[in-house]
């Protein structure tokens, strides 16, 4: 799952991004509220982490704008020295949670998990398609024949496929949702990770495969 971080403090934003990526989340970072709103409207994110204070428009304003548009994407506000009234106003504007700095990474991650459980995009701990299961808490895939660990990107790619089995995803969609809009990686990283997943599926004797739909994209389907 990909999350969007909106934070003007570059060092803190980097720390958040690193923390999330260690837990196999994808993460993009923007530094102002206007960009956060534009990115959130792409529907490519499972949740938003928005600083209350941002250039352009604050996190509460972004949340309010999204709710006016009928977008139910989960939003967590990250507060600092703002008064209590500002945090309360943010929650009233439509945010799902507000966490005040300083906070422990363990609390941040627990709150993210809780926020996603309450949302319409909640992903259960284990996703299953055919004989293949993906344990989203242990970051591994398994079948009755055995199990295999996944690296960060393999996990995110397979999660997308297993959340939308039998749906075709283009290489560009995978690139945007796993590597992000501003990724410097080339499109061939998509092919490399799909090839690795295919080898693991074969080794585990899974009854599903990632098939190329020529000129369109890839689909996870029964063999």
N, C-alpha and C. Protein backbone atom coordinates (compact mmCIF):
# COMPACT_ATOMS: atom_id res chain seq x y z
N UNK A 1 0.84 -1.19 0.00
CA UNK A 1 0.00 0.00 0.00
C UNK A 1 0.88 1.24 0.00
N UNK A 2 0.44 2.27 -0.75
CA UNK A 2 1.22 3.50 -0.87
C UNK A 2 0.58 4.60 -0.04
N UNK A 3 1.40 5.33 0.69
CA UNK A 3 0.95 6.44 1.53
C UNK A 3 1.60 7.73 1.04
N UNK A 4 0.90 8.83 1.26
CA UNK A 4 1.43 10.14 0.89
C UNK A 4 1.76 10.92 2.16
N UNK A 5 2.97 11.45 2.21
CA UNK A 5 3.42 12.29 3.32
C UNK A 5 3.48 13.73 2.84
N UNK A 6 2.82 14.63 3.57
CA UNK A 6 2.92 16.06 3.28
C UNK A 6 3.57 16.72 4.49
N UNK A 7 4.82 17.13 4.34
CA UNK A 7 5.60 17.67 5.46
C UNK A 7 6.66 18.61 4.90
N UNK A 8 6.71 19.84 5.43
CA UNK A 8 7.65 20.84 4.92
C UNK A 8 9.04 20.71 5.53
N UNK A 9 9.16 20.00 6.64
CA UNK A 9 10.47 19.76 7.26
C UNK A 9 11.11 18.57 6.53
N UNK A 10 12.09 18.85 5.69
CA UNK A 10 12.67 17.82 4.82
C UNK A 10 13.28 16.67 5.62
N UNK A 11 13.96 16.98 6.71
CA UNK A 11 14.61 15.92 7.50
C UNK A 11 13.56 15.03 8.15
N UNK A 12 12.51 15.63 8.70
CA UNK A 12 11.45 14.84 9.33
C UNK A 12 10.70 14.02 8.29
N UNK A 13 10.46 14.61 7.12
CA UNK A 13 9.78 13.87 6.04
C UNK A 13 10.60 12.65 5.62
N UNK A 14 11.92 12.82 5.55
CA UNK A 14 12.79 11.69 5.19
C UNK A 14 12.71 10.59 6.25
N UNK A 15 12.67 10.98 7.52
CA UNK A 15 12.56 10.00 8.60
C UNK A 15 11.24 9.23 8.49
N UNK A 16 10.15 9.94 8.24
CA UNK A 16 8.85 9.28 8.08
C UNK A 16 8.87 8.32 6.91
N UNK A 17 9.40 8.76 5.79
CA UNK A 17 9.45 7.92 4.59
C UNK A 17 10.26 6.65 4.85
N UNK A 18 11.41 6.79 5.50
CA UNK A 18 12.25 5.63 5.81
C UNK A 18 11.53 4.67 6.74
N UNK A 19 10.85 5.20 7.75
CA UNK A 19 10.10 4.37 8.70
C UNK A 19 9.02 3.57 7.98
N UNK A 20 8.28 4.21 7.10
CA UNK A 20 7.21 3.53 6.38
C UNK A 20 7.76 2.47 5.43
N UNK A 21 8.83 2.80 4.72
CA UNK A 21 9.38 1.86 3.75
C UNK A 21 9.96 0.62 4.43
N UNK A 22 10.46 0.77 5.64
CA UNK A 22 10.96 -0.39 6.38
C UNK A 22 9.82 -1.36 6.72
N UNK A 23 8.60 -0.83 6.76
CA UNK A 23 7.43 -1.65 7.04
C UNK A 23 6.69 -2.04 5.75
N UNK A 24 7.38 -1.93 4.63
CA UNK A 24 6.88 -2.35 3.33
C UNK A 24 5.75 -1.48 2.78
N UNK A 25 5.59 -0.26 3.31
CA UNK A 25 4.68 0.69 2.68
C UNK A 25 5.45 1.42 1.59
N UNK A 26 4.75 1.80 0.54
CA UNK A 26 5.32 2.75 -0.40
C UNK A 26 5.04 4.14 0.13
N UNK A 27 5.89 5.10 -0.16
CA UNK A 27 5.68 6.45 0.37
C UNK A 27 6.18 7.50 -0.60
N UNK A 28 5.35 8.50 -0.86
CA UNK A 28 5.75 9.69 -1.60
C UNK A 28 5.73 10.86 -0.65
N UNK A 29 6.53 11.87 -0.94
CA UNK A 29 6.63 13.05 -0.07
C UNK A 29 6.39 14.31 -0.88
N UNK A 30 5.53 15.18 -0.37
CA UNK A 30 5.37 16.54 -0.91
C UNK A 30 5.58 17.51 0.24
N UNK A 31 5.83 18.77 -0.09
CA UNK A 31 6.17 19.72 0.97
C UNK A 31 5.16 20.84 1.14
N UNK A 32 4.09 20.85 0.35
CA UNK A 32 3.08 21.88 0.54
C UNK A 32 1.68 21.30 0.34
N UNK A 33 0.69 22.02 0.88
CA UNK A 33 -0.67 21.52 0.89
C UNK A 33 -1.30 21.40 -0.48
N UNK A 34 -0.99 22.32 -1.37
CA UNK A 34 -1.56 22.26 -2.71
C UNK A 34 -1.16 20.99 -3.45
N UNK A 35 0.12 20.65 -3.35
CA UNK A 35 0.59 19.41 -3.98
C UNK A 35 -0.06 18.20 -3.32
N UNK A 36 -0.21 18.24 -1.99
CA UNK A 36 -0.84 17.13 -1.28
C UNK A 36 -2.25 16.89 -1.80
N UNK A 37 -3.00 17.95 -2.01
CA UNK A 37 -4.37 17.82 -2.51
C UNK A 37 -4.37 17.25 -3.92
N UNK A 38 -3.47 17.73 -4.77
CA UNK A 38 -3.41 17.23 -6.15
C UNK A 38 -3.04 15.75 -6.17
N UNK A 39 -2.06 15.36 -5.39
CA UNK A 39 -1.64 13.96 -5.36
C UNK A 39 -2.76 13.08 -4.82
N UNK A 40 -3.42 13.52 -3.76
CA UNK A 40 -4.49 12.72 -3.15
C UNK A 40 -5.63 12.48 -4.12
N UNK A 41 -5.85 13.40 -5.03
CA UNK A 41 -6.94 13.26 -6.00
C UNK A 41 -6.67 12.21 -7.06
N UNK A 42 -5.45 11.70 -7.13
CA UNK A 42 -5.14 10.69 -8.14
C UNK A 42 -5.67 9.32 -7.77
N UNK A 43 -6.11 9.13 -6.53
CA UNK A 43 -6.63 7.85 -6.03
C UNK A 43 -5.56 6.76 -6.02
N UNK A 44 -4.27 7.16 -5.97
CA UNK A 44 -3.21 6.16 -5.96
C UNK A 44 -2.70 5.82 -4.56
N UNK A 45 -3.37 6.35 -3.52
CA UNK A 45 -2.87 6.20 -2.17
C UNK A 45 -3.89 5.53 -1.26
N UNK A 46 -3.37 4.75 -0.31
CA UNK A 46 -4.24 4.12 0.68
C UNK A 46 -4.49 5.01 1.87
N UNK A 47 -3.65 6.03 2.07
CA UNK A 47 -3.83 6.94 3.20
C UNK A 47 -2.89 8.12 3.09
N UNK A 48 -3.19 9.18 3.87
CA UNK A 48 -2.41 10.41 3.84
C UNK A 48 -1.90 10.74 5.24
N UNK A 49 -0.66 11.20 5.33
CA UNK A 49 -0.09 11.75 6.56
C UNK A 49 0.19 13.22 6.28
N UNK A 50 -0.60 14.11 6.88
CA UNK A 50 -0.53 15.53 6.55
C UNK A 50 -0.13 16.36 7.75
N UNK A 51 0.93 17.13 7.62
CA UNK A 51 1.29 18.07 8.69
C UNK A 51 0.18 19.11 8.81
N UNK A 52 -0.13 19.49 10.04
CA UNK A 52 -1.15 20.52 10.23
C UNK A 52 -0.73 21.83 9.59
N UNK A 53 0.55 22.16 9.73
CA UNK A 53 1.05 23.42 9.17
C UNK A 53 1.87 23.13 7.92
N UNK A 54 1.40 23.65 6.79
CA UNK A 54 2.06 23.46 5.50
C UNK A 54 1.99 24.76 4.70
N UNK A 55 2.96 25.01 3.81
CA UNK A 55 2.84 26.15 2.91
C UNK A 55 1.61 25.99 2.02
N UNK A 56 1.00 27.09 1.69
CA UNK A 56 -0.15 27.05 0.77
C UNK A 56 -1.45 26.80 1.49
N UNK A 57 -1.66 25.57 1.91
CA UNK A 57 -2.85 25.23 2.68
C UNK A 57 -2.47 24.15 3.69
N UNK A 58 -3.02 24.25 4.90
CA UNK A 58 -2.66 23.32 5.95
C UNK A 58 -3.30 21.96 5.77
N UNK A 59 -2.84 21.00 6.58
CA UNK A 59 -3.35 19.65 6.47
C UNK A 59 -4.85 19.57 6.71
N UNK A 60 -5.37 20.36 7.66
CA UNK A 60 -6.81 20.35 7.92
C UNK A 60 -7.58 20.86 6.71
N UNK A 61 -7.05 21.86 6.03
CA UNK A 61 -7.71 22.38 4.83
C UNK A 61 -7.72 21.34 3.72
N UNK A 62 -6.62 20.60 3.59
CA UNK A 62 -6.57 19.54 2.58
C UNK A 62 -7.62 18.47 2.89
N UNK A 63 -7.69 18.07 4.16
CA UNK A 63 -8.68 17.06 4.56
C UNK A 63 -10.09 17.55 4.28
N UNK A 64 -10.37 18.81 4.61
CA UNK A 64 -11.71 19.36 4.39
C UNK A 64 -12.06 19.38 2.90
N UNK A 65 -11.08 19.75 2.06
CA UNK A 65 -11.32 19.79 0.63
C UNK A 65 -11.63 18.41 0.07
N UNK A 66 -10.90 17.40 0.53
CA UNK A 66 -11.13 16.03 0.08
C UNK A 66 -12.51 15.54 0.51
N UNK A 67 -12.92 15.87 1.74
CA UNK A 67 -14.23 15.43 2.21
C UNK A 67 -15.36 16.12 1.44
N UNK A 68 -15.17 17.38 1.10
CA UNK A 68 -16.19 18.08 0.30
C UNK A 68 -16.38 17.43 -1.05
N UNK A 69 -15.29 16.86 -1.58
CA UNK A 69 -15.35 16.17 -2.87
C UNK A 69 -15.85 14.75 -2.75
N UNK A 70 -16.15 14.30 -1.53
CA UNK A 70 -16.65 12.95 -1.32
C UNK A 70 -15.58 11.89 -1.28
N UNK A 71 -14.33 12.29 -1.12
CA UNK A 71 -13.23 11.32 -1.07
C UNK A 71 -13.04 10.85 0.37
N UNK A 72 -13.07 9.53 0.56
CA UNK A 72 -13.01 8.95 1.89
C UNK A 72 -11.63 8.42 2.25
N UNK A 73 -10.61 8.81 1.53
CA UNK A 73 -9.26 8.34 1.80
C UNK A 73 -8.89 8.67 3.25
N UNK A 74 -8.31 7.71 3.99
CA UNK A 74 -7.93 7.96 5.39
C UNK A 74 -6.89 9.07 5.50
N UNK A 75 -7.07 9.93 6.49
CA UNK A 75 -6.17 11.07 6.71
C UNK A 75 -5.72 11.10 8.16
N UNK A 76 -4.41 11.14 8.37
CA UNK A 76 -3.85 11.37 9.70
C UNK A 76 -3.12 12.71 9.68
N UNK A 77 -3.47 13.56 10.63
CA UNK A 77 -2.78 14.84 10.77
C UNK A 77 -1.60 14.68 11.72
N UNK A 78 -0.51 15.37 11.41
CA UNK A 78 0.69 15.35 12.26
C UNK A 78 0.88 16.75 12.81
N UNK A 79 0.69 16.88 14.12
CA UNK A 79 0.79 18.19 14.76
C UNK A 79 2.15 18.42 15.39
N UNK A 80 2.39 19.68 15.69
CA UNK A 80 3.63 20.07 16.35
C UNK A 80 3.32 21.01 17.48
N UNK A 81 3.60 22.29 17.25
CA UNK A 81 3.38 23.29 18.29
C UNK A 81 2.02 23.97 18.17
N UNK A 82 1.16 23.48 17.25
CA UNK A 82 -0.14 24.10 17.07
C UNK A 82 -0.98 23.95 18.34
N UNK A 83 -1.87 24.91 18.62
CA UNK A 83 -2.72 24.80 19.81
C UNK A 83 -3.73 23.65 19.67
N UNK A 84 -4.25 23.22 20.81
CA UNK A 84 -5.23 22.14 20.82
C UNK A 84 -6.40 22.44 19.90
N UNK A 85 -6.82 23.69 19.85
CA UNK A 85 -7.97 24.06 19.02
C UNK A 85 -7.73 23.73 17.56
N UNK A 86 -6.48 23.89 17.09
CA UNK A 86 -6.16 23.59 15.69
C UNK A 86 -6.27 22.10 15.42
N UNK A 87 -5.84 21.28 16.38
CA UNK A 87 -5.93 19.83 16.21
C UNK A 87 -7.38 19.37 16.21
N UNK A 88 -8.18 19.95 17.10
CA UNK A 88 -9.61 19.61 17.15
C UNK A 88 -10.30 20.03 15.86
N UNK A 89 -9.95 21.21 15.36
CA UNK A 89 -10.54 21.69 14.11
C UNK A 89 -10.18 20.76 12.95
N UNK A 90 -8.97 20.23 12.97
CA UNK A 90 -8.56 19.30 11.92
C UNK A 90 -9.38 18.04 11.93
N UNK A 91 -9.64 17.52 13.12
CA UNK A 91 -10.47 16.31 13.23
C UNK A 91 -11.90 16.61 12.79
N UNK A 92 -12.41 17.77 13.17
CA UNK A 92 -13.76 18.16 12.76
C UNK A 92 -13.85 18.39 11.26
N UNK A 93 -12.71 18.73 10.65
CA UNK A 93 -12.70 18.97 9.20
C UNK A 93 -12.75 17.68 8.39
N UNK A 94 -12.54 16.53 9.07
CA UNK A 94 -12.65 15.26 8.35
C UNK A 94 -11.46 14.34 8.50
N UNK A 95 -10.43 14.75 9.24
CA UNK A 95 -9.29 13.86 9.47
C UNK A 95 -9.72 12.70 10.37
N UNK A 96 -9.06 11.57 10.19
CA UNK A 96 -9.39 10.38 10.98
C UNK A 96 -8.62 10.30 12.28
N UNK A 97 -7.47 10.96 12.34
CA UNK A 97 -6.64 10.88 13.54
C UNK A 97 -5.68 12.06 13.52
N UNK A 98 -5.11 12.34 14.69
CA UNK A 98 -4.09 13.39 14.79
C UNK A 98 -3.05 12.94 15.80
N UNK A 99 -1.80 12.97 15.39
CA UNK A 99 -0.69 12.54 16.23
C UNK A 99 0.25 13.73 16.41
N UNK A 100 0.63 13.99 17.66
CA UNK A 100 1.43 15.18 17.97
C UNK A 100 2.88 14.80 18.21
N UNK A 101 3.79 15.52 17.59
CA UNK A 101 5.21 15.32 17.80
C UNK A 101 5.61 15.83 19.17
N UNK A 102 6.63 15.20 19.80
CA UNK A 102 7.35 14.00 19.32
C UNK A 102 6.55 12.73 19.59
N UNK A 103 6.71 11.75 18.72
CA UNK A 103 6.04 10.47 18.92
C UNK A 103 6.98 9.35 18.52
N UNK A 104 6.73 8.18 19.05
CA UNK A 104 7.54 7.00 18.73
C UNK A 104 7.07 6.41 17.41
N UNK A 105 8.01 5.85 16.66
CA UNK A 105 7.65 5.24 15.38
C UNK A 105 6.66 4.10 15.57
N UNK A 106 6.78 3.39 16.70
CA UNK A 106 5.86 2.28 16.95
C UNK A 106 4.42 2.78 17.10
N UNK A 107 4.25 3.93 17.74
CA UNK A 107 2.90 4.49 17.88
C UNK A 107 2.38 4.96 16.52
N UNK A 108 3.23 5.60 15.74
CA UNK A 108 2.82 6.03 14.40
C UNK A 108 2.33 4.85 13.58
N UNK A 109 3.10 3.78 13.55
CA UNK A 109 2.74 2.61 12.74
C UNK A 109 1.46 1.96 13.27
N UNK A 110 1.30 1.89 14.59
CA UNK A 110 0.08 1.31 15.16
C UNK A 110 -1.13 2.14 14.78
N UNK A 111 -0.98 3.45 14.81
CA UNK A 111 -2.11 4.32 14.46
C UNK A 111 -2.44 4.23 12.97
N UNK A 112 -1.41 4.08 12.15
CA UNK A 112 -1.67 3.90 10.71
C UNK A 112 -2.45 2.61 10.49
N UNK A 113 -2.03 1.52 11.13
CA UNK A 113 -2.75 0.26 10.98
C UNK A 113 -4.20 0.37 11.44
N UNK A 114 -4.40 1.06 12.57
CA UNK A 114 -5.76 1.23 13.08
C UNK A 114 -6.59 2.08 12.12
N UNK A 115 -5.99 3.13 11.58
CA UNK A 115 -6.70 3.99 10.64
C UNK A 115 -7.12 3.22 9.40
N UNK A 116 -6.23 2.38 8.89
CA UNK A 116 -6.54 1.61 7.69
C UNK A 116 -7.58 0.53 7.97
N UNK A 117 -7.56 -0.02 9.19
CA UNK A 117 -8.58 -1.02 9.53
C UNK A 117 -9.98 -0.42 9.52
N UNK A 118 -10.07 0.85 9.88
CA UNK A 118 -11.38 1.50 9.94
C UNK A 118 -11.85 1.97 8.58
N UNK A 119 -10.95 1.98 7.61
CA UNK A 119 -11.28 2.57 6.32
C UNK A 119 -11.83 1.54 5.34
N UNK A 120 -12.37 2.08 4.24
CA UNK A 120 -12.92 1.20 3.19
C UNK A 120 -11.82 0.51 2.40
N UNK A 121 -10.55 0.94 2.58
CA UNK A 121 -9.45 0.32 1.85
C UNK A 121 -8.69 -0.65 2.75
N UNK A 122 -9.31 -1.04 3.85
CA UNK A 122 -8.65 -1.96 4.78
C UNK A 122 -8.21 -3.24 4.07
N UNK A 123 -6.98 -3.63 4.31
CA UNK A 123 -6.43 -4.86 3.75
C UNK A 123 -6.25 -5.86 4.90
N UNK A 124 -6.89 -7.01 4.84
CA UNK A 124 -6.72 -8.00 5.91
C UNK A 124 -5.27 -8.47 5.98
N UNK A 125 -4.93 -9.13 7.10
CA UNK A 125 -3.55 -9.58 7.28
C UNK A 125 -3.13 -10.59 6.22
N UNK A 126 -4.06 -11.42 5.76
CA UNK A 126 -3.73 -12.43 4.75
C UNK A 126 -4.68 -12.30 3.57
N UNK A 127 -4.11 -12.09 2.39
CA UNK A 127 -4.87 -12.06 1.14
C UNK A 127 -4.69 -13.41 0.45
N UNK A 128 -5.75 -13.93 -0.14
CA UNK A 128 -5.67 -15.24 -0.78
C UNK A 128 -6.31 -15.22 -2.15
N UNK A 129 -5.60 -15.75 -3.12
CA UNK A 129 -6.12 -15.96 -4.48
C UNK A 129 -5.69 -17.37 -4.89
N UNK A 130 -6.65 -18.24 -5.11
CA UNK A 130 -6.33 -19.62 -5.43
C UNK A 130 -5.56 -20.26 -4.29
N UNK A 131 -4.46 -20.93 -4.60
CA UNK A 131 -3.63 -21.56 -3.56
C UNK A 131 -2.60 -20.61 -2.98
N UNK A 132 -2.55 -19.39 -3.52
CA UNK A 132 -1.54 -18.42 -3.10
C UNK A 132 -2.09 -17.49 -2.02
N UNK A 133 -1.32 -17.32 -0.96
CA UNK A 133 -1.67 -16.37 0.10
C UNK A 133 -0.52 -15.39 0.30
N UNK A 134 -0.88 -14.18 0.69
CA UNK A 134 0.11 -13.14 0.99
C UNK A 134 -0.12 -12.68 2.41
N UNK A 135 0.87 -12.89 3.26
CA UNK A 135 0.80 -12.46 4.65
C UNK A 135 1.34 -11.03 4.72
N UNK A 136 0.43 -10.06 4.92
CA UNK A 136 0.84 -8.67 4.88
C UNK A 136 1.53 -8.21 6.16
N UNK A 137 1.51 -9.04 7.19
CA UNK A 137 2.21 -8.67 8.42
C UNK A 137 3.62 -9.26 8.46
N UNK A 138 3.83 -10.36 7.74
CA UNK A 138 5.15 -11.00 7.71
C UNK A 138 5.86 -10.80 6.38
N UNK A 139 5.17 -10.18 5.40
CA UNK A 139 5.77 -9.87 4.10
C UNK A 139 6.28 -11.12 3.38
N UNK A 140 5.44 -12.16 3.35
CA UNK A 140 5.84 -13.37 2.65
C UNK A 140 4.63 -13.93 1.91
N UNK A 141 4.93 -14.67 0.86
CA UNK A 141 3.90 -15.37 0.10
C UNK A 141 4.02 -16.85 0.41
N UNK A 142 2.88 -17.56 0.40
CA UNK A 142 2.96 -18.98 0.67
C UNK A 142 1.82 -19.74 0.00
N UNK A 143 2.08 -21.02 -0.23
CA UNK A 143 1.12 -21.97 -0.77
C UNK A 143 1.23 -23.24 0.07
N UNK A 144 0.40 -24.25 -0.18
CA UNK A 144 0.57 -25.51 0.56
C UNK A 144 1.95 -26.13 0.37
N UNK A 145 2.69 -25.71 -0.67
CA UNK A 145 4.01 -26.28 -0.93
C UNK A 145 5.14 -25.61 -0.18
N UNK A 146 4.87 -24.44 0.39
CA UNK A 146 5.94 -23.74 1.10
C UNK A 146 5.73 -22.24 1.12
N UNK A 147 6.77 -21.51 1.52
CA UNK A 147 6.69 -20.06 1.65
C UNK A 147 7.94 -19.42 1.07
N UNK A 148 7.81 -18.14 0.72
CA UNK A 148 8.96 -17.40 0.19
C UNK A 148 8.90 -15.96 0.69
N UNK A 149 10.02 -15.41 1.14
CA UNK A 149 10.04 -14.01 1.56
C UNK A 149 10.00 -13.10 0.34
N UNK A 150 9.60 -11.85 0.57
CA UNK A 150 9.52 -10.87 -0.52
C UNK A 150 10.28 -9.61 -0.12
N UNK A 151 10.97 -9.01 -1.09
CA UNK A 151 11.57 -7.73 -0.79
C UNK A 151 10.49 -6.65 -0.85
N UNK A 152 10.86 -5.43 -0.53
CA UNK A 152 9.89 -4.33 -0.42
C UNK A 152 9.04 -4.18 -1.68
N UNK A 153 9.69 -4.07 -2.84
CA UNK A 153 8.95 -3.80 -4.07
C UNK A 153 8.16 -5.02 -4.54
N UNK A 154 8.73 -6.21 -4.39
CA UNK A 154 7.99 -7.43 -4.74
C UNK A 154 6.69 -7.50 -3.93
N UNK A 155 6.79 -7.21 -2.65
CA UNK A 155 5.62 -7.24 -1.79
C UNK A 155 4.56 -6.27 -2.27
N UNK A 156 4.95 -5.04 -2.57
CA UNK A 156 3.98 -4.03 -2.99
C UNK A 156 3.34 -4.39 -4.33
N UNK A 157 4.14 -4.92 -5.26
CA UNK A 157 3.58 -5.33 -6.55
C UNK A 157 2.58 -6.46 -6.37
N UNK A 158 2.96 -7.49 -5.61
CA UNK A 158 2.06 -8.62 -5.42
C UNK A 158 0.81 -8.21 -4.66
N UNK A 159 0.94 -7.30 -3.70
CA UNK A 159 -0.23 -6.82 -2.97
C UNK A 159 -1.23 -6.16 -3.91
N UNK A 160 -0.74 -5.35 -4.84
CA UNK A 160 -1.63 -4.72 -5.81
C UNK A 160 -2.37 -5.76 -6.64
N UNK A 161 -1.64 -6.77 -7.12
CA UNK A 161 -2.28 -7.82 -7.91
C UNK A 161 -3.32 -8.58 -7.09
N UNK A 162 -3.00 -8.88 -5.84
CA UNK A 162 -3.90 -9.70 -5.05
C UNK A 162 -5.10 -8.92 -4.52
N UNK A 163 -4.99 -7.62 -4.50
CA UNK A 163 -6.16 -6.80 -4.16
C UNK A 163 -7.08 -6.64 -5.37
N UNK A 164 -6.56 -6.87 -6.56
CA UNK A 164 -7.38 -6.75 -7.78
C UNK A 164 -7.13 -7.94 -8.71
N UNK A 165 -7.40 -9.17 -8.23
CA UNK A 165 -7.16 -10.34 -9.08
C UNK A 165 -8.04 -10.28 -10.33
N UNK A 166 -7.49 -10.75 -11.43
CA UNK A 166 -8.19 -10.78 -12.72
C UNK A 166 -8.35 -9.39 -13.35
N UNK A 167 -7.76 -8.36 -12.73
CA UNK A 167 -7.77 -7.02 -13.31
C UNK A 167 -6.40 -6.75 -13.92
N UNK A 168 -6.39 -6.17 -15.10
CA UNK A 168 -5.13 -5.87 -15.78
C UNK A 168 -4.55 -4.57 -15.24
N UNK A 169 -3.29 -4.61 -14.85
CA UNK A 169 -2.57 -3.43 -14.39
C UNK A 169 -1.44 -3.16 -15.37
N UNK A 170 -1.38 -1.95 -15.87
CA UNK A 170 -0.31 -1.61 -16.81
C UNK A 170 1.00 -1.42 -16.07
N UNK A 171 2.09 -1.50 -16.81
CA UNK A 171 3.40 -1.27 -16.21
C UNK A 171 3.48 0.14 -15.63
N UNK A 172 2.84 1.10 -16.30
CA UNK A 172 2.85 2.47 -15.80
C UNK A 172 2.08 2.60 -14.50
N UNK A 173 0.94 1.91 -14.38
CA UNK A 173 0.19 1.92 -13.13
C UNK A 173 1.01 1.34 -11.99
N UNK A 174 1.68 0.23 -12.26
CA UNK A 174 2.53 -0.39 -11.24
C UNK A 174 3.67 0.55 -10.86
N UNK A 175 4.24 1.20 -11.84
CA UNK A 175 5.34 2.12 -11.59
C UNK A 175 4.89 3.26 -10.67
N UNK A 176 3.72 3.83 -10.98
CA UNK A 176 3.23 4.97 -10.20
C UNK A 176 2.84 4.57 -8.79
N UNK A 177 2.21 3.39 -8.64
CA UNK A 177 1.68 3.01 -7.33
C UNK A 177 2.73 2.39 -6.42
N UNK A 178 3.79 1.83 -6.99
CA UNK A 178 4.82 1.20 -6.17
C UNK A 178 6.05 2.08 -6.05
N UNK A 179 6.51 2.63 -7.16
CA UNK A 179 7.74 3.45 -7.12
C UNK A 179 7.43 4.93 -6.95
N UNK A 180 6.21 5.34 -7.26
CA UNK A 180 5.82 6.72 -7.02
C UNK A 180 5.96 7.62 -8.22
N UNK A 181 5.26 8.74 -8.14
CA UNK A 181 5.23 9.68 -9.27
C UNK A 181 6.60 10.27 -9.58
N UNK A 182 7.38 10.48 -8.54
CA UNK A 182 8.66 11.15 -8.73
C UNK A 182 9.85 10.19 -8.73
N UNK A 183 9.56 8.91 -8.91
CA UNK A 183 10.63 7.91 -8.86
C UNK A 183 11.62 8.11 -10.00
N UNK A 184 12.89 7.88 -9.69
CA UNK A 184 13.93 7.99 -10.71
C UNK A 184 14.20 6.65 -11.38
N UNK A 185 13.52 5.61 -10.89
CA UNK A 185 13.73 4.28 -11.47
C UNK A 185 13.17 4.22 -12.88
N UNK A 186 13.73 3.34 -13.68
CA UNK A 186 13.25 3.12 -15.05
C UNK A 186 12.16 2.05 -15.03
N UNK A 187 11.36 2.02 -16.10
CA UNK A 187 10.23 1.11 -16.17
C UNK A 187 10.66 -0.35 -16.10
N UNK A 188 11.91 -0.63 -16.44
CA UNK A 188 12.34 -2.03 -16.43
C UNK A 188 12.40 -2.62 -15.02
N UNK A 189 12.33 -1.77 -13.97
CA UNK A 189 12.28 -2.34 -12.62
C UNK A 189 10.96 -3.08 -12.40
N UNK A 190 9.91 -2.67 -13.11
CA UNK A 190 8.63 -3.38 -13.04
C UNK A 190 8.81 -4.79 -13.60
N UNK A 191 9.42 -4.89 -14.77
CA UNK A 191 9.62 -6.20 -15.41
C UNK A 191 10.51 -7.09 -14.54
N UNK A 192 11.54 -6.50 -13.95
CA UNK A 192 12.46 -7.28 -13.11
C UNK A 192 11.74 -7.88 -11.91
N UNK A 193 10.91 -7.08 -11.25
CA UNK A 193 10.20 -7.58 -10.08
C UNK A 193 9.12 -8.59 -10.44
N UNK A 194 8.46 -8.40 -11.57
CA UNK A 194 7.48 -9.39 -12.02
C UNK A 194 8.17 -10.71 -12.35
N UNK A 195 9.32 -10.64 -13.00
CA UNK A 195 10.05 -11.86 -13.33
C UNK A 195 10.45 -12.60 -12.05
N UNK A 196 10.87 -11.87 -11.02
CA UNK A 196 11.22 -12.50 -9.76
C UNK A 196 10.02 -13.14 -9.10
N UNK A 197 8.87 -12.45 -9.12
CA UNK A 197 7.65 -13.02 -8.54
C UNK A 197 7.23 -14.28 -9.29
N UNK A 198 7.37 -14.26 -10.60
CA UNK A 198 7.00 -15.45 -11.39
C UNK A 198 7.85 -16.65 -10.99
N UNK A 199 9.14 -16.42 -10.78
CA UNK A 199 10.02 -17.53 -10.38
C UNK A 199 9.59 -18.09 -9.03
N UNK A 200 9.22 -17.21 -8.11
CA UNK A 200 8.80 -17.66 -6.79
C UNK A 200 7.46 -18.38 -6.86
N UNK A 201 6.55 -17.92 -7.69
CA UNK A 201 5.27 -18.59 -7.86
C UNK A 201 5.48 -20.01 -8.41
N UNK A 202 6.38 -20.13 -9.37
CA UNK A 202 6.67 -21.45 -9.93
C UNK A 202 7.29 -22.37 -8.89
N UNK A 203 8.23 -21.84 -8.11
CA UNK A 203 8.90 -22.65 -7.09
C UNK A 203 7.92 -23.14 -6.03
N UNK A 204 6.89 -22.32 -5.75
CA UNK A 204 5.90 -22.69 -4.73
C UNK A 204 4.73 -23.48 -5.31
N UNK A 205 4.79 -23.76 -6.62
CA UNK A 205 3.74 -24.54 -7.29
C UNK A 205 2.36 -23.90 -7.12
N UNK A 206 2.33 -22.57 -7.21
CA UNK A 206 1.07 -21.85 -7.08
C UNK A 206 0.18 -22.13 -8.29
N UNK A 207 -1.13 -22.12 -8.07
CA UNK A 207 -2.06 -22.32 -9.18
C UNK A 207 -2.54 -21.00 -9.77
N UNK A 208 -1.75 -19.93 -9.55
CA UNK A 208 -1.99 -18.63 -10.17
C UNK A 208 -0.69 -18.16 -10.80
N UNK A 209 -0.80 -17.28 -11.76
CA UNK A 209 0.39 -16.75 -12.43
C UNK A 209 0.14 -15.30 -12.83
N UNK A 210 1.23 -14.58 -13.07
CA UNK A 210 1.13 -13.21 -13.55
C UNK A 210 1.33 -13.25 -15.06
N UNK A 211 0.25 -13.02 -15.79
CA UNK A 211 0.27 -13.17 -17.24
C UNK A 211 0.38 -11.81 -17.92
N UNK A 212 1.17 -11.77 -18.97
CA UNK A 212 1.29 -10.56 -19.79
C UNK A 212 0.12 -10.48 -20.75
N UNK A 213 -0.58 -9.37 -20.73
CA UNK A 213 -1.61 -9.08 -21.74
C UNK A 213 -0.96 -8.09 -22.69
N UNK A 214 -0.54 -8.59 -23.83
CA UNK A 214 0.30 -7.82 -24.73
C UNK A 214 -0.34 -6.47 -25.10
N UNK A 215 0.45 -5.42 -24.93
CA UNK A 215 0.00 -4.09 -25.27
C UNK A 215 -0.88 -3.44 -24.21
N UNK A 216 -1.18 -4.16 -23.11
CA UNK A 216 -2.08 -3.63 -22.07
C UNK A 216 -1.40 -3.62 -20.71
N UNK A 217 -0.95 -4.80 -20.26
CA UNK A 217 -0.33 -4.85 -18.94
C UNK A 217 -0.23 -6.27 -18.44
N UNK A 218 -0.43 -6.44 -17.13
CA UNK A 218 -0.27 -7.75 -16.47
C UNK A 218 -1.50 -8.06 -15.64
N UNK A 219 -1.78 -9.34 -15.48
CA UNK A 219 -2.94 -9.77 -14.71
C UNK A 219 -2.58 -11.00 -13.89
N UNK A 220 -3.07 -11.06 -12.65
CA UNK A 220 -2.91 -12.25 -11.82
C UNK A 220 -4.14 -13.11 -12.01
N UNK A 221 -3.94 -14.33 -12.46
CA UNK A 221 -5.08 -15.19 -12.75
C UNK A 221 -4.73 -16.65 -12.52
N UNK A 222 -5.76 -17.50 -12.46
CA UNK A 222 -5.57 -18.92 -12.26
C UNK A 222 -4.92 -19.54 -13.48
N UNK A 223 -4.07 -20.54 -13.24
CA UNK A 223 -3.42 -21.24 -14.35
C UNK A 223 -4.24 -22.42 -14.82
